Amino acid sequence: KCSICIVNDHAIITSDRGIAKAVEKH
């Protein structure tokens, strides 16, 4: 949660590339 800025129910901002890669698959 620290790493994820929730923009809406289908978009986020993060500096963590591992998180980015994992959530884009969904």
mmCIF file of all heavy atoms, coordinates in Angstrom:
data_MODEL
# 
_entry.id   MODEL 
# 
loop_
_atom_site.group_PDB 
_atom_site.id 
_atom_site.type_symbol 
_atom_site.label_atom_id 
_atom_site.label_alt_id 
_atom_site.label_comp_id 
_atom_site.label_asym_id 
_atom_site.label_entity_id 
_atom_site.label_seq_id 
_atom_site.pdbx_PDB_ins_code 
_atom_site.Cartn_x 
_atom_site.Cartn_y 
_atom_site.Cartn_z 
_atom_site.occupancy 
_atom_site.B_iso_or_equiv 
_atom_site.pdbx_formal_charge 
_atom_site.auth_seq_id 
_atom_site.auth_comp_id 
_atom_site.auth_asym_id 
_atom_site.auth_atom_id 
_atom_site.pdbx_PDB_model_num 
ATOM 1   N N   . LYS A 1 1  ? 0.836   -1.210  0.000   1.00 0.00 ? 1  LYS A N   1 
ATOM 2   C CA  . LYS A 1 1  ? 0.000   0.000   0.000   1.00 0.00 ? 1  LYS A CA  1 
ATOM 3   C C   . LYS A 1 1  ? 0.863   1.249   0.000   1.00 0.00 ? 1  LYS A C   1 
ATOM 4   O O   . LYS A 1 1  ? 0.541   2.232   -0.674  1.00 0.00 ? 1  LYS A O   1 
ATOM 5   C CB  . LYS A 1 1  ? -0.952  0.002   1.208   1.00 0.00 ? 1  LYS A CB  1 
ATOM 6   C CG  . LYS A 1 1  ? -1.798  1.273   1.316   1.00 0.00 ? 1  LYS A CG  1 
ATOM 7   C CD  . LYS A 1 1  ? -2.666  1.467   0.086   1.00 0.00 ? 1  LYS A CD  1 
ATOM 8   C CE  . LYS A 1 1  ? -3.224  2.875   -0.025  1.00 0.00 ? 1  LYS A CE  1 
ATOM 9   N NZ  . LYS A 1 1  ? -2.231  3.868   -0.483  1.00 0.00 ? 1  LYS A NZ  1 
ATOM 10  N N   . CYS A 1 2  ? 1.957   1.229   0.752   1.00 0.00 ? 2  CYS A N   1 
ATOM 11  C CA  . CYS A 1 2  ? 2.879   2.379   0.726   1.00 0.00 ? 2  CYS A CA  1 
ATOM 12  C C   . CYS A 1 2  ? 3.317   2.692   -0.701  1.00 0.00 ? 2  CYS A C   1 
ATOM 13  O O   . CYS A 1 2  ? 3.470   3.851   -1.078  1.00 0.00 ? 2  CYS A O   1 
ATOM 14  C CB  . CYS A 1 2  ? 4.142   2.079   1.532   1.00 0.00 ? 2  CYS A CB  1 
ATOM 15  S SG  . CYS A 1 2  ? 3.902   1.819   3.287   1.00 0.00 ? 2  CYS A SG  1 
ATOM 16  N N   . SER A 1 3  ? 3.511   1.646   -1.483  1.00 0.00 ? 3  SER A N   1 
ATOM 17  C CA  . SER A 1 3  ? 4.108   1.781   -2.818  1.00 0.00 ? 3  SER A CA  1 
ATOM 18  C C   . SER A 1 3  ? 3.103   2.113   -3.903  1.00 0.00 ? 3  SER A C   1 
ATOM 19  O O   . SER A 1 3  ? 3.499   2.438   -5.026  1.00 0.00 ? 3  SER A O   1 
ATOM 20  C CB  . SER A 1 3  ? 4.826   0.478   -3.194  1.00 0.00 ? 3  SER A CB  1 
ATOM 21  O OG  . SER A 1 3  ? 5.835   0.174   -2.260  1.00 0.00 ? 3  SER A OG  1 
ATOM 22  N N   . ILE A 1 4  ? 1.808   2.025   -3.607  1.00 0.00 ? 4  ILE A N   1 
ATOM 23  C CA  . ILE A 1 4  ? 0.781   2.177   -4.636  1.00 0.00 ? 4  ILE A CA  1 
ATOM 24  C C   . ILE A 1 4  ? -0.107  3.380   -4.356  1.00 0.00 ? 4  ILE A C   1 
ATOM 25  O O   . ILE A 1 4  ? -0.785  3.456   -3.329  1.00 0.00 ? 4  ILE A O   1 
ATOM 26  C CB  . ILE A 1 4  ? -0.080  0.903   -4.736  1.00 0.00 ? 4  ILE A CB  1 
ATOM 27  C CG1 . ILE A 1 4  ? 0.768   -0.267  -5.245  1.00 0.00 ? 4  ILE A CG1 1 
ATOM 28  C CG2 . ILE A 1 4  ? -1.287  1.129   -5.640  1.00 0.00 ? 4  ILE A CG2 1 
ATOM 29  C CD1 . ILE A 1 4  ? 0.038   -1.592  -5.249  1.00 0.00 ? 4  ILE A CD1 1 
ATOM 30  N N   . CYS A 1 5  ? -0.102  4.314   -5.273  1.00 0.00 ? 5  CYS A N   1 
ATOM 31  C CA  . CYS A 1 5  ? -1.043  5.430   -5.262  1.00 0.00 ? 5  CYS A CA  1 
ATOM 32  C C   . CYS A 1 5  ? -2.243  5.013   -6.102  1.00 0.00 ? 5  CYS A C   1 
ATOM 33  O O   . CYS A 1 5  ? -2.120  4.798   -7.319  1.00 0.00 ? 5  CYS A O   1 
ATOM 34  C CB  . CYS A 1 5  ? -0.380  6.676   -5.838  1.00 0.00 ? 5  CYS A CB  1 
ATOM 35  S SG  . CYS A 1 5  ? -1.514  8.046   -6.127  1.00 0.00 ? 5  CYS A SG  1 
ATOM 36  N N   . ILE A 1 6  ? -3.393  4.887   -5.463  1.00 0.00 ? 6  ILE A N   1 
ATOM 37  C CA  . ILE A 1 6  ? -4.606  4.439   -6.145  1.00 0.00 ? 6  ILE A CA  1 
ATOM 38  C C   . ILE A 1 6  ? -5.253  5.640   -6.840  1.00 0.00 ? 6  ILE A C   1 
ATOM 39  O O   . ILE A 1 6  ? -5.649  6.613   -6.189  1.00 0.00 ? 6  ILE A O   1 
ATOM 40  C CB  . ILE A 1 6  ? -5.583  3.797   -5.138  1.00 0.00 ? 6  ILE A CB  1 
ATOM 41  C CG1 . ILE A 1 6  ? -4.917  2.596   -4.456  1.00 0.00 ? 6  ILE A CG1 1 
ATOM 42  C CG2 . ILE A 1 6  ? -6.881  3.391   -5.836  1.00 0.00 ? 6  ILE A CG2 1 
ATOM 43  C CD1 . ILE A 1 6  ? -5.626  2.148   -3.194  1.00 0.00 ? 6  ILE A CD1 1 
ATOM 44  N N   . VAL A 1 7  ? -5.368  5.560   -8.150  1.00 0.00 ? 7  VAL A N   1 
ATOM 45  C CA  . VAL A 1 7  ? -5.938  6.651   -8.944  1.00 0.00 ? 7  VAL A CA  1 
ATOM 46  C C   . VAL A 1 7  ? -7.440  6.430   -9.151  1.00 0.00 ? 7  VAL A C   1 
ATOM 47  O O   . VAL A 1 7  ? -8.244  7.344   -8.999  1.00 0.00 ? 7  VAL A O   1 
ATOM 48  C CB  . VAL A 1 7  ? -5.208  6.774   -10.295 1.00 0.00 ? 7  VAL A CB  1 
ATOM 49  C CG1 . VAL A 1 7  ? -5.881  7.796   -11.197 1.00 0.00 ? 7  VAL A CG1 1 
ATOM 50  C CG2 . VAL A 1 7  ? -3.741  7.140   -10.061 1.00 0.00 ? 7  VAL A CG2 1 
ATOM 51  N N   . ASN A 1 8  ? -7.800  5.225   -9.497  1.00 0.00 ? 8  ASN A N   1 
ATOM 52  C CA  . ASN A 1 8  ? -9.204  4.819   -9.605  1.00 0.00 ? 8  ASN A CA  1 
ATOM 53  C C   . ASN A 1 8  ? -9.241  3.299   -9.581  1.00 0.00 ? 8  ASN A C   1 
ATOM 54  O O   . ASN A 1 8  ? -8.257  2.665   -9.192  1.00 0.00 ? 8  ASN A O   1 
ATOM 55  C CB  . ASN A 1 8  ? -9.878  5.406   -10.862 1.00 0.00 ? 8  ASN A CB  1 
ATOM 56  C CG  . ASN A 1 8  ? -9.138  5.068   -12.143 1.00 0.00 ? 8  ASN A CG  1 
ATOM 57  O OD1 . ASN A 1 8  ? -8.539  3.996   -12.278 1.00 0.00 ? 8  ASN A OD1 1 
ATOM 58  N ND2 . ASN A 1 8  ? -9.163  5.978   -13.112 1.00 0.00 ? 8  ASN A ND2 1 
ATOM 59  N N   . ASP A 1 9  ? -10.355 2.701   -9.997  1.00 0.00 ? 9  ASP A N   1 
ATOM 60  C CA  . ASP A 1 9  ? -10.475 1.245   -9.876  1.00 0.00 ? 9  ASP A CA  1 
ATOM 61  C C   . ASP A 1 9  ? -9.742  0.483   -10.970 1.00 0.00 ? 9  ASP A C   1 
ATOM 62  O O   . ASP A 1 9  ? -9.795  -0.748  -11.006 1.00 0.00 ? 9  ASP A O   1 
ATOM 63  C CB  . ASP A 1 9  ? -11.944 0.819   -9.834  1.00 0.00 ? 9  ASP A CB  1 
ATOM 64  C CG  . ASP A 1 9  ? -12.702 1.147   -11.113 1.00 0.00 ? 9  ASP A CG  1 
ATOM 65  O OD1 . ASP A 1 9  ? -12.102 1.769   -12.032 1.00 0.00 ? 9  ASP A OD1 1 
ATOM 66  O OD2 . ASP A 1 9  ? -13.888 0.783   -11.213 1.00 0.00 ? 9  ASP A OD2 1 
ATOM 67  N N   . HIS A 1 10 ? -9.028  1.202   -11.831 1.00 0.00 ? 10 HIS A N   1 
ATOM 68  C CA  . HIS A 1 10 ? -8.281  0.501   -12.880 1.00 0.00 ? 10 HIS A CA  1 
ATOM 69  C C   . HIS A 1 10 ? -6.953  1.182   -13.212 1.00 0.00 ? 10 HIS A C   1 
ATOM 70  O O   . HIS A 1 10 ? -6.374  0.928   -14.259 1.00 0.00 ? 10 HIS A O   1 
ATOM 71  C CB  . HIS A 1 10 ? -9.127  0.368   -14.159 1.00 0.00 ? 10 HIS A CB  1 
ATOM 72  C CG  . HIS A 1 10 ? -9.608  1.679   -14.707 1.00 0.00 ? 10 HIS A CG  1 
ATOM 73  N ND1 . HIS A 1 10 ? -10.737 2.304   -14.249 1.00 0.00 ? 10 HIS A ND1 1 
ATOM 74  C CD2 . HIS A 1 10 ? -9.094  2.491   -15.668 1.00 0.00 ? 10 HIS A CD2 1 
ATOM 75  C CE1 . HIS A 1 10 ? -10.916 3.434   -14.903 1.00 0.00 ? 10 HIS A CE1 1 
ATOM 76  N NE2 . HIS A 1 10 ? -9.929  3.570   -15.768 1.00 0.00 ? 10 HIS A NE2 1 
ATOM 77  N N   . ALA A 1 11 ? -6.467  2.031   -12.303 1.00 0.00 ? 11 ALA A N   1 
ATOM 78  C CA  . ALA A 1 11 ? -5.213  2.737   -12.570 1.00 0.00 ? 11 ALA A CA  1 
ATOM 79  C C   . ALA A 1 11 ? -4.487  3.052   -11.268 1.00 0.00 ? 11 ALA A C   1 
ATOM 80  O O   . ALA A 1 11 ? -5.113  3.423   -10.265 1.00 0.00 ? 11 ALA A O   1 
ATOM 81  C CB  . ALA A 1 11 ? -5.468  4.030   -13.342 1.00 0.00 ? 11 ALA A CB  1 
ATOM 82  N N   . ILE A 1 12 ? -3.159  2.921   -11.300 1.00 0.00 ? 12 ILE A N   1 
ATOM 83  C CA  . ILE A 1 12 ? -2.323  3.231   -10.143 1.00 0.00 ? 12 ILE A CA  1 
ATOM 84  C C   . ILE A 1 12 ? -1.050  3.944   -10.591 1.00 0.00 ? 12 ILE A C   1 
ATOM 85  O O   . ILE A 1 12 ? -0.704  3.934   -11.775 1.00 0.00 ? 12 ILE A O   1 
ATOM 86  C CB  . ILE A 1 12 ? -1.930  1.970   -9.345  1.00 0.00 ? 12 ILE A CB  1 
ATOM 87  C CG1 . ILE A 1 12 ? -0.974  1.077   -10.171 1.00 0.00 ? 12 ILE A CG1 1 
ATOM 88  C CG2 . ILE A 1 12 ? -3.154  1.200   -8.880  1.00 0.00 ? 12 ILE A CG2 1 
ATOM 89  C CD1 . ILE A 1 12 ? -0.300  -0.028  -9.371  1.00 0.00 ? 12 ILE A CD1 1 
ATOM 90  N N   . ILE A 1 13 ? -0.359  4.530   -9.607  1.00 0.00 ? 13 ILE A N   1 
ATOM 91  C CA  . ILE A 1 13 ? 0.979   5.075   -9.804  1.00 0.00 ? 13 ILE A CA  1 
ATOM 92  C C   . ILE A 1 13 ? 1.901   4.386   -8.808  1.00 0.00 ? 13 ILE A C   1 
ATOM 93  O O   . ILE A 1 13 ? 1.547   4.241   -7.630  1.00 0.00 ? 13 ILE A O   1 
ATOM 94  C CB  . ILE A 1 13 ? 1.005   6.598   -9.571  1.00 0.00 ? 13 ILE A CB  1 
ATOM 95  C CG1 . ILE A 1 13 ? 0.027   7.317   -10.503 1.00 0.00 ? 13 ILE A CG1 1 
ATOM 96  C CG2 . ILE A 1 13 ? 2.419   7.148   -9.754  1.00 0.00 ? 13 ILE A CG2 1 
ATOM 97  C CD1 . ILE A 1 13 ? -0.173  8.792   -10.163 1.00 0.00 ? 13 ILE A CD1 1 
ATOM 98  N N   . THR A 1 14 ? 3.074   3.967   -9.254  1.00 0.00 ? 14 THR A N   1 
ATOM 99  C CA  . THR A 1 14 ? 4.036   3.318   -8.362  1.00 0.00 ? 14 THR A CA  1 
ATOM 100 C C   . THR A 1 14 ? 5.446   3.510   -8.897  1.00 0.00 ? 14 THR A C   1 
ATOM 101 O O   . THR A 1 14 ? 5.639   3.742   -10.104 1.00 0.00 ? 14 THR A O   1 
ATOM 102 C CB  . THR A 1 14 ? 3.730   1.813   -8.213  1.00 0.00 ? 14 THR A CB  1 
ATOM 103 O OG1 . THR A 1 14 ? 4.611   1.250   -7.237  1.00 0.00 ? 14 THR A OG1 1 
ATOM 104 C CG2 . THR A 1 14 ? 3.903   1.069   -9.530  1.00 0.00 ? 14 THR A CG2 1 
ATOM 105 N N   . SER A 1 15 ? 6.415   3.403   -8.000  1.00 0.00 ? 15 SER A N   1 
ATOM 106 C CA  . SER A 1 15 ? 7.819   3.397   -8.424  1.00 0.00 ? 15 SER A CA  1 
ATOM 107 C C   . SER A 1 15 ? 8.387   1.984   -8.428  1.00 0.00 ? 15 SER A C   1 
ATOM 108 O O   . SER A 1 15 ? 9.557   1.791   -8.756  1.00 0.00 ? 15 SER A O   1 
ATOM 109 C CB  . SER A 1 15 ? 8.654   4.285   -7.489  1.00 0.00 ? 15 SER A CB  1 
ATOM 110 O OG  . SER A 1 15 ? 8.628   3.786   -6.166  1.00 0.00 ? 15 SER A OG  1 
ATOM 111 N N   . ASP A 1 16 ? 7.554   1.008   -8.055  1.00 0.00 ? 16 ASP A N   1 
ATOM 112 C CA  . ASP A 1 16 ? 8.009   -0.376  -7.954  1.00 0.00 ? 16 ASP A CA  1 
ATOM 113 C C   . ASP A 1 16 ? 7.694   -1.129  -9.252  1.00 0.00 ? 16 ASP A C   1 
ATOM 114 O O   . ASP A 1 16 ? 6.532   -1.388  -9.570  1.00 0.00 ? 16 ASP A O   1 
ATOM 115 C CB  . ASP A 1 16 ? 7.325   -1.054  -6.760  1.00 0.00 ? 16 ASP A CB  1 
ATOM 116 C CG  . ASP A 1 16 ? 7.919   -2.407  -6.438  1.00 0.00 ? 16 ASP A CG  1 
ATOM 117 O OD1 . ASP A 1 16 ? 7.732   -3.340  -7.252  1.00 0.00 ? 16 ASP A OD1 1 
ATOM 118 O OD2 . ASP A 1 16 ? 8.563   -2.545  -5.389  1.00 0.00 ? 16 ASP A OD2 1 
ATOM 119 N N   . ARG A 1 17 ? 8.737   -1.478  -9.993  1.00 0.00 ? 17 ARG A N   1 
ATOM 120 C CA  . ARG A 1 17 ? 8.534   -2.129  -11.290 1.00 0.00 ? 17 ARG A CA  1 
ATOM 121 C C   . ARG A 1 17 ? 7.953   -3.535  -11.152 1.00 0.00 ? 17 ARG A C   1 
ATOM 122 O O   . ARG A 1 17 ? 7.234   -4.007  -12.043 1.00 0.00 ? 17 ARG A O   1 
ATOM 123 C CB  . ARG A 1 17 ? 9.855   -2.150  -12.066 1.00 0.00 ? 17 ARG A CB  1 
ATOM 124 C CG  . ARG A 1 17 ? 10.330  -0.751  -12.439 1.00 0.00 ? 17 ARG A CG  1 
ATOM 125 C CD  . ARG A 1 17 ? 11.532  -0.740  -13.355 1.00 0.00 ? 17 ARG A CD  1 
ATOM 126 N NE  . ARG A 1 17 ? 11.928  0.628   -13.660 1.00 0.00 ? 17 ARG A NE  1 
ATOM 127 C CZ  . ARG A 1 17 ? 11.356  1.384   -14.591 1.00 0.00 ? 17 ARG A CZ  1 
ATOM 128 N NH1 . ARG A 1 17 ? 10.375  0.893   -15.321 1.00 0.00 ? 17 ARG A NH1 1 
ATOM 129 N NH2 . ARG A 1 17 ? 11.763  2.629   -14.808 1.00 0.00 ? 17 ARG A NH2 1 
ATOM 130 N N   . GLY A 1 18 ? 8.252   -4.209  -10.053 1.00 0.00 ? 18 GLY A N   1 
ATOM 131 C CA  . GLY A 1 18 ? 7.673   -5.528  -9.824  1.00 0.00 ? 18 GLY A CA  1 
ATOM 132 C C   . GLY A 1 18 ? 6.171   -5.457  -9.650  1.00 0.00 ? 18 GLY A C   1 
ATOM 133 O O   . GLY A 1 18 ? 5.428   -6.275  -10.203 1.00 0.00 ? 18 GLY A O   1 
ATOM 134 N N   . ILE A 1 19 ? 5.711   -4.462  -8.891  1.00 0.00 ? 19 ILE A N   1 
ATOM 135 C CA  . ILE A 1 19 ? 4.271   -4.251  -8.740  1.00 0.00 ? 19 ILE A CA  1 
ATOM 136 C C   . ILE A 1 19 ? 3.650   -3.912  -10.081 1.00 0.00 ? 19 ILE A C   1 
ATOM 137 O O   . ILE A 1 19 ? 2.601   -4.464  -10.455 1.00 0.00 ? 19 ILE A O   1 
ATOM 138 C CB  . ILE A 1 19 ? 3.990   -3.135  -7.711  1.00 0.00 ? 19 ILE A CB  1 
ATOM 139 C CG1 . ILE A 1 19 ? 4.293   -3.627  -6.291  1.00 0.00 ? 19 ILE A CG1 1 
ATOM 140 C CG2 . ILE A 1 19 ? 2.542   -2.652  -7.807  1.00 0.00 ? 19 ILE A CG2 1 
ATOM 141 C CD1 . ILE A 1 19 ? 4.125   -2.565  -5.222  1.00 0.00 ? 19 ILE A CD1 1 
ATOM 142 N N   . ALA A 1 20 ? 4.283   -3.010  -10.818 1.00 0.00 ? 20 ALA A N   1 
ATOM 143 C CA  . ALA A 1 20 ? 3.745   -2.600  -12.119 1.00 0.00 ? 20 ALA A CA  1 
ATOM 144 C C   . ALA A 1 20 ? 3.547   -3.800  -13.032 1.00 0.00 ? 20 ALA A C   1 
ATOM 145 O O   . ALA A 1 20 ? 2.480   -3.965  -13.651 1.00 0.00 ? 20 ALA A O   1 
ATOM 146 C CB  . ALA A 1 20 ? 4.678   -1.583  -12.762 1.00 0.00 ? 20 ALA A CB  1 
ATOM 147 N N   . LYS A 1 21 ? 4.544   -4.640  -13.122 1.00 0.00 ? 21 LYS A N   1 
ATOM 148 C CA  . LYS A 1 21 ? 4.484   -5.807  -14.002 1.00 0.00 ? 21 LYS A CA  1 
ATOM 149 C C   . LYS A 1 21 ? 3.383   -6.763  -13.568 1.00 0.00 ? 21 LYS A C   1 
ATOM 150 O O   . LYS A 1 21 ? 2.635   -7.306  -14.398 1.00 0.00 ? 21 LYS A O   1 
ATOM 151 C CB  . LYS A 1 21 ? 5.839   -6.524  -14.001 1.00 0.00 ? 21 LYS A CB  1 
ATOM 152 C CG  . LYS A 1 21 ? 5.933   -7.677  -14.964 1.00 0.00 ? 21 LYS A CG  1 
ATOM 153 C CD  . LYS A 1 21 ? 7.335   -8.275  -14.957 1.00 0.00 ? 21 LYS A CD  1 
ATOM 154 C CE  . LYS A 1 21 ? 7.442   -9.456  -15.921 1.00 0.00 ? 21 LYS A CE  1 
ATOM 155 N NZ  . LYS A 1 21 ? 8.814   -10.045 -15.913 1.00 0.00 ? 21 LYS A NZ  1 
ATOM 156 N N   . ALA A 1 22 ? 3.234   -6.957  -12.254 1.00 0.00 ? 22 ALA A N   1 
ATOM 157 C CA  . ALA A 1 22 ? 2.235   -7.906  -11.745 1.00 0.00 ? 22 ALA A CA  1 
ATOM 158 C C   . ALA A 1 22 ? 0.811   -7.423  -11.986 1.00 0.00 ? 22 ALA A C   1 
ATOM 159 O O   . ALA A 1 22 ? -0.055  -8.203  -12.404 1.00 0.00 ? 22 ALA A O   1 
ATOM 160 C CB  . ALA A 1 22 ? 2.467   -8.145  -10.253 1.00 0.00 ? 22 ALA A CB  1 
ATOM 161 N N   . VAL A 1 23 ? 0.541   -6.136  -11.742 1.00 0.00 ? 23 VAL A N   1 
ATOM 162 C CA  . VAL A 1 23 ? -0.840  -5.669  -11.842 1.00 0.00 ? 23 VAL A CA  1 
ATOM 163 C C   . VAL A 1 23 ? -1.268  -5.448  -13.287 1.00 0.00 ? 23 VAL A C   1 
ATOM 164 O O   . VAL A 1 23 ? -2.456  -5.570  -13.617 1.00 0.00 ? 23 VAL A O   1 
ATOM 165 C CB  . VAL A 1 23 ? -1.080  -4.401  -11.002 1.00 0.00 ? 23 VAL A CB  1 
ATOM 166 C CG1 . VAL A 1 23 ? -0.719  -4.635  -9.543  1.00 0.00 ? 23 VAL A CG1 1 
ATOM 167 C CG2 . VAL A 1 23 ? -0.341  -3.198  -11.548 1.00 0.00 ? 23 VAL A CG2 1 
ATOM 168 N N   . GLU A 1 24 ? -0.321  -5.123  -14.173 1.00 0.00 ? 24 GLU A N   1 
ATOM 169 C CA  . GLU A 1 24 ? -0.670  -4.926  -15.582 1.00 0.00 ? 24 GLU A CA  1 
ATOM 170 C C   . GLU A 1 24 ? -1.241  -6.196  -16.195 1.00 0.00 ? 24 GLU A C   1 
ATOM 171 O O   . GLU A 1 24 ? -2.079  -6.133  -17.111 1.00 0.00 ? 24 GLU A O   1 
ATOM 172 C CB  . GLU A 1 24 ? 0.553   -4.450  -16.362 1.00 0.00 ? 24 GLU A CB  1 
ATOM 173 C CG  . GLU A 1 24 ? 0.873   -2.983  -16.132 1.00 0.00 ? 24 GLU A CG  1 
ATOM 174 C CD  . GLU A 1 24 ? 2.175   -2.547  -16.789 1.00 0.00 ? 24 GLU A CD  1 
ATOM 175 O OE1 . GLU A 1 24 ? 3.047   -3.419  -17.029 1.00 0.00 ? 24 GLU A OE1 1 
ATOM 176 O OE2 . GLU A 1 24 ? 2.320   -1.339  -17.040 1.00 0.00 ? 24 GLU A OE2 1 
ATOM 177 N N   . LYS A 1 25 ? -0.843  -7.342  -15.694 1.00 0.00 ? 25 LYS A N   1 
ATOM 178 C CA  . LYS A 1 25 ? -1.375  -8.618  -16.185 1.00 0.00 ? 25 LYS A CA  1 
ATOM 179 C C   . LYS A 1 25 ? -2.864  -8.764  -15.896 1.00 0.00 ? 25 LYS A C   1 
ATOM 180 O O   . LYS A 1 25 ? -3.546  -9.587  -16.510 1.00 0.00 ? 25 LYS A O   1 
ATOM 181 C CB  . LYS A 1 25 ? -0.619  -9.781  -15.545 1.00 0.00 ? 25 LYS A CB  1 
ATOM 182 C CG  . LYS A 1 25 ? 0.843   -9.885  -15.947 1.00 0.00 ? 25 LYS A CG  1 
ATOM 183 C CD  . LYS A 1 25 ? 1.524   -11.023 -15.207 1.00 0.00 ? 25 LYS A CD  1 
ATOM 184 C CE  . LYS A 1 25 ? 2.993   -11.118 -15.551 1.00 0.00 ? 25 LYS A CE  1 
ATOM 185 N NZ  . LYS A 1 25 ? 3.681   -12.200 -14.768 1.00 0.00 ? 25 LYS A NZ  1 
ATOM 186 N N   . HIS A 1 26 ? -3.357  -7.959  -14.958 1.00 0.00 ? 26 HIS A N   1 
ATOM 187 C CA  . HIS A 1 26 ? -4.774  -8.025  -14.569 1.00 0.00 ? 26 HIS A CA  1 
ATOM 188 C C   . HIS A 1 26 ? -5.562  -6.831  -15.099 1.00 0.00 ? 26 HIS A C   1 
ATOM 189 O O   . HIS A 1 26 ? -6.661  -6.540  -14.611 1.00 0.00 ? 26 HIS A O   1 
ATOM 190 C CB  . HIS A 1 26 ? -4.880  -8.110  -13.049 1.00 0.00 ? 26 HIS A CB  1 
ATOM 191 C CG  . HIS A 1 26 ? -4.289  -9.366  -12.480 1.00 0.00 ? 26 HIS A CG  1 
ATOM 192 N ND1 . HIS A 1 26 ? -5.020  -10.526 -12.314 1.00 0.00 ? 26 HIS A ND1 1 
ATOM 193 C CD2 . HIS A 1 26 ? -3.022  -9.655  -12.070 1.00 0.00 ? 26 HIS A CD2 1 
ATOM 194 C CE1 . HIS A 1 26 ? -4.244  -11.465 -11.805 1.00 0.00 ? 26 HIS A CE1 1 
ATOM 195 N NE2 . HIS A 1 26 ? -3.032  -10.975 -11.653 1.00 0.00 ? 26 HIS A NE2 1 
# 
